[in-house]
N, C-alpha and C. Protein backbone atom coordinates (compact mmCIF):
# COMPACT_ATOMS: atom_id res chain seq x y z
N MET A 1 244.91 -156.01 -2.62
CA MET A 1 244.95 -154.41 -3.02
C MET A 1 244.96 -153.26 -2.23
N SER A 2 245.79 -152.93 -1.80
CA SER A 2 246.11 -152.35 -0.56
C SER A 2 245.14 -150.50 -0.67
N SER A 3 244.89 -149.52 0.24
CA SER A 3 243.99 -148.78 0.46
C SER A 3 244.73 -147.94 -0.52
N THR A 4 245.59 -147.75 -0.73
CA THR A 4 246.23 -146.70 -0.87
C THR A 4 246.06 -146.35 -2.72
N THR A 5 246.27 -148.32 -3.20
CA THR A 5 245.93 -148.41 -4.65
C THR A 5 244.87 -148.01 -4.90
N GLU A 6 243.55 -148.04 -4.06
CA GLU A 6 242.35 -147.57 -3.49
C GLU A 6 241.80 -146.44 -4.30
N GLN A 7 242.61 -145.95 -3.43
CA GLN A 7 242.72 -144.51 -3.61
C GLN A 7 242.83 -143.77 -5.01
N SER A 8 244.00 -144.17 -4.89
CA SER A 8 244.60 -144.18 -6.44
C SER A 8 243.47 -143.77 -7.58
N ASN A 9 243.05 -145.11 -7.28
CA ASN A 9 242.19 -145.74 -8.71
C ASN A 9 240.80 -144.68 -8.30
N THR A 10 240.31 -144.21 -6.85
CA THR A 10 239.37 -143.49 -6.84
C THR A 10 239.37 -141.99 -7.85
N GLU A 11 240.83 -141.39 -6.79
CA GLU A 11 240.81 -139.92 -7.53
C GLU A 11 241.01 -139.92 -8.98
N ALA A 12 241.93 -141.18 -9.53
CA ALA A 12 241.79 -141.34 -11.37
C ALA A 12 240.25 -141.05 -11.87
N GLU A 13 239.36 -141.91 -11.07
CA GLU A 13 238.07 -141.85 -11.84
C GLU A 13 237.39 -140.24 -11.76
N GLN A 14 237.77 -139.65 -10.45
CA GLN A 14 237.34 -138.24 -10.76
C GLN A 14 237.37 -137.29 -11.34
N GLN A 15 238.76 -137.29 -11.97
CA GLN A 15 239.79 -136.95 -12.81
C GLN A 15 239.20 -137.00 -14.43
N GLY A 16 239.43 -135.90 -15.22
CA GLY A 16 238.77 -136.01 -16.65
C GLY A 16 239.23 -137.04 -17.38
N THR A 17 238.80 -137.24 -18.54
CA THR A 17 239.16 -138.55 -19.49
C THR A 17 241.04 -137.86 -20.15
N HIS A 18 240.96 -136.74 -20.33
CA HIS A 18 242.24 -136.44 -20.57
C HIS A 18 243.13 -135.20 -20.31
N HIS A 19 244.20 -135.31 -20.28
CA HIS A 19 245.33 -134.10 -19.79
C HIS A 19 245.46 -133.32 -20.78
N TYR A 20 245.35 -132.25 -20.06
CA TYR A 20 246.17 -130.90 -21.12
C TYR A 20 247.29 -130.13 -20.60
N VAL A 21 247.76 -129.84 -21.58
CA VAL A 21 249.17 -128.44 -20.97
C VAL A 21 248.82 -127.40 -22.20
N LEU A 22 248.88 -126.73 -21.92
CA LEU A 22 248.44 -125.50 -22.94
C LEU A 22 249.64 -123.83 -22.29
N THR A 23 250.30 -123.82 -23.32
CA THR A 23 251.10 -122.41 -22.32
C THR A 23 251.18 -121.20 -23.74
N LEU A 24 250.61 -120.20 -23.59
CA LEU A 24 250.39 -118.72 -23.99
C LEU A 24 251.53 -118.27 -23.27
N ASP A 25 251.95 -117.44 -24.64
CA ASP A 25 253.12 -116.22 -24.59
C ASP A 25 252.53 -114.67 -25.30
N LEU A 26 252.64 -113.62 -24.38
CA LEU A 26 252.78 -112.72 -25.26
C LEU A 26 253.91 -111.73 -25.14
N PRO A 27 255.42 -112.15 -25.91
CA PRO A 27 256.17 -111.66 -26.24
C PRO A 27 256.77 -110.42 -24.97
N GLY A 28 257.75 -110.29 -24.99
CA GLY A 28 257.61 -109.41 -23.99
C GLY A 28 257.22 -109.02 -23.06
N ARG A 29 256.60 -109.47 -23.15
CA ARG A 29 254.89 -109.05 -21.93
C ARG A 29 254.97 -110.29 -20.99
N ILE A 30 254.37 -111.19 -21.33
CA ILE A 30 253.90 -112.01 -20.06
C ILE A 30 253.54 -113.71 -20.57
N ALA A 31 254.11 -114.58 -20.04
CA ALA A 31 253.96 -115.91 -20.32
C ALA A 31 252.94 -116.95 -19.41
N GLY A 32 252.08 -117.48 -20.13
CA GLY A 32 251.51 -118.50 -19.01
C GLY A 32 251.20 -120.14 -19.60
N SER A 33 251.64 -120.70 -18.42
CA SER A 33 251.10 -122.61 -18.73
C SER A 33 249.79 -122.86 -18.02
N TRP A 34 248.88 -123.46 -18.37
CA TRP A 34 247.42 -124.38 -18.06
C TRP A 34 247.68 -125.60 -17.85
N GLN A 35 247.55 -126.30 -16.96
CA GLN A 35 247.12 -127.67 -17.29
C GLN A 35 246.02 -128.55 -16.45
N GLY A 36 245.62 -129.35 -16.51
CA GLY A 36 244.24 -130.18 -15.56
C GLY A 36 244.13 -131.26 -16.41
N THR A 37 242.63 -131.76 -16.60
CA THR A 37 242.10 -133.01 -16.77
C THR A 37 240.76 -132.67 -17.61
N VAL A 38 240.34 -132.70 -18.49
CA VAL A 38 239.11 -132.21 -19.04
C VAL A 38 238.62 -133.69 -19.89
N THR A 39 236.93 -133.74 -19.69
CA THR A 39 236.39 -134.98 -20.08
C THR A 39 235.45 -134.17 -21.33
N PRO A 40 235.95 -134.49 -22.57
CA PRO A 40 235.58 -134.05 -23.87
C PRO A 40 233.54 -134.66 -24.19
N GLY A 41 233.20 -133.60 -24.70
CA GLY A 41 231.97 -134.70 -25.11
C GLY A 41 232.38 -135.33 -25.94
N SER A 42 230.59 -135.97 -26.68
CA SER A 42 231.01 -137.47 -26.96
C SER A 42 231.35 -136.84 -29.00
N GLY A 43 231.07 -136.01 -28.91
CA GLY A 43 231.43 -135.51 -30.23
C GLY A 43 232.24 -134.43 -30.39
N ASP A 44 233.14 -133.71 -29.45
CA ASP A 44 233.90 -133.03 -29.48
C ASP A 44 235.28 -133.26 -29.96
N THR A 45 236.27 -132.81 -30.98
CA THR A 45 236.76 -132.90 -31.33
C THR A 45 238.57 -132.23 -30.29
N ARG A 46 239.88 -132.67 -31.01
CA ARG A 46 240.68 -131.93 -30.24
C ARG A 46 240.69 -130.03 -30.80
N GLN A 47 240.27 -130.16 -31.79
CA GLN A 47 240.20 -128.57 -31.77
C GLN A 47 238.73 -127.94 -31.02
N ASP A 48 238.24 -128.34 -30.86
CA ASP A 48 236.85 -128.39 -30.15
C ASP A 48 237.42 -128.00 -28.51
N VAL A 49 238.22 -128.75 -28.06
CA VAL A 49 238.89 -128.81 -26.74
C VAL A 49 239.62 -127.50 -27.00
N PHE A 50 240.64 -127.40 -27.98
CA PHE A 50 241.41 -126.48 -27.97
C PHE A 50 240.77 -125.31 -28.11
N VAL A 51 239.63 -124.62 -28.41
CA VAL A 51 239.02 -123.47 -28.87
C VAL A 51 238.48 -123.35 -26.82
N MET A 52 238.12 -124.69 -26.64
CA MET A 52 236.94 -124.30 -25.34
C MET A 52 237.93 -123.77 -24.54
N LEU A 53 238.79 -123.96 -24.81
CA LEU A 53 240.35 -123.96 -23.30
C LEU A 53 240.72 -122.36 -23.15
N ARG A 54 241.16 -122.02 -24.54
CA ARG A 54 241.64 -120.77 -25.14
C ARG A 54 240.62 -119.46 -24.45
N GLU A 55 239.23 -120.13 -25.09
CA GLU A 55 238.48 -118.87 -24.56
C GLU A 55 238.16 -119.42 -22.87
N HIS A 56 238.17 -120.13 -22.44
CA HIS A 56 237.80 -120.45 -20.64
C HIS A 56 239.28 -119.24 -20.05
N ILE A 57 240.29 -119.77 -20.26
CA ILE A 57 241.88 -119.23 -20.12
C ILE A 57 241.33 -117.50 -20.28
N SER A 58 240.62 -117.11 -21.78
CA SER A 58 240.67 -115.34 -21.71
C SER A 58 240.16 -114.84 -20.67
N GLU A 59 238.58 -115.74 -20.38
CA GLU A 59 237.69 -115.16 -19.48
C GLU A 59 238.06 -114.89 -18.20
N SER A 60 239.23 -116.16 -17.73
CA SER A 60 239.52 -115.57 -16.69
C SER A 60 240.84 -114.48 -16.55
N SER A 61 241.63 -114.37 -17.59
CA SER A 61 242.84 -113.97 -17.56
C SER A 61 243.01 -113.15 -19.05
N PRO A 62 241.88 -111.76 -19.23
CA PRO A 62 241.44 -111.40 -20.31
C PRO A 62 242.70 -110.62 -21.37
N GLU A 63 244.46 -111.15 -20.89
CA GLU A 63 245.54 -110.46 -21.46
C GLU A 63 246.06 -111.36 -22.28
N PHE A 64 245.50 -112.56 -21.93
CA PHE A 64 245.85 -114.11 -22.98
C PHE A 64 244.75 -114.25 -24.29
N ALA A 65 244.18 -113.07 -24.36
CA ALA A 65 243.03 -113.32 -25.63
C ALA A 65 243.57 -113.72 -27.05
N ARG A 66 244.94 -113.13 -26.67
CA ARG A 66 245.89 -112.83 -28.27
C ARG A 66 246.99 -113.02 -28.35
N ALA A 67 247.26 -113.96 -27.06
CA ALA A 67 248.20 -114.49 -26.74
C ALA A 67 249.04 -115.65 -27.86
N ASN A 68 250.42 -115.93 -28.25
CA ASN A 68 250.76 -116.78 -28.96
C ASN A 68 250.40 -118.20 -28.67
N VAL A 69 250.03 -119.25 -28.82
CA VAL A 69 250.15 -120.60 -28.37
C VAL A 69 251.89 -121.03 -28.61
N VAL A 70 252.13 -121.14 -27.79
CA VAL A 70 253.59 -122.41 -27.38
C VAL A 70 253.61 -123.13 -27.50
N PHE A 71 252.48 -124.30 -26.87
CA PHE A 71 253.07 -125.08 -26.59
C PHE A 71 251.54 -125.95 -26.41
N PHE A 72 250.85 -126.72 -27.12
CA PHE A 72 249.36 -127.14 -26.71
C PHE A 72 249.45 -128.96 -27.17
N SER A 73 248.72 -129.64 -25.39
CA SER A 73 249.10 -131.35 -26.02
C SER A 73 246.95 -131.59 -25.25
N LEU A 74 247.10 -132.27 -25.65
CA LEU A 74 246.14 -133.13 -25.52
C LEU A 74 246.31 -134.76 -24.78
N GLU A 75 246.21 -135.43 -24.20
CA GLU A 75 246.27 -136.54 -24.42
C GLU A 75 246.10 -137.72 -23.47
N PRO A 76 245.20 -138.74 -23.49
CA PRO A 76 244.03 -139.56 -22.80
C PRO A 76 244.93 -139.76 -21.49
N ASN A 77 243.98 -139.33 -20.51
CA ASN A 77 244.80 -139.27 -19.11
C ASN A 77 244.77 -140.60 -18.19
N GLN A 78 245.56 -141.43 -19.16
CA GLN A 78 245.89 -142.59 -18.78
C GLN A 78 247.85 -143.00 -18.36
N LEU A 79 247.80 -143.66 -17.73
CA LEU A 79 248.79 -144.61 -18.71
C LEU A 79 249.24 -145.85 -19.24
């Protein structure tokens, strides 16, 4: 195993178990996309993660609190 592969495995282990993409839009005003990784709790659902992400975005960017959801994806963070 090369050191590059070892480094990639270590970086992947530090990431969350799921990758998300969320795009919000206020028509005619502003749009934004967020992406990253998250590790849901053992009893969390896709809905729980979606609500958590919306709340997190609204806290840091209040203008998006009432934005339309254009796209949402939550997938296992693995190939």
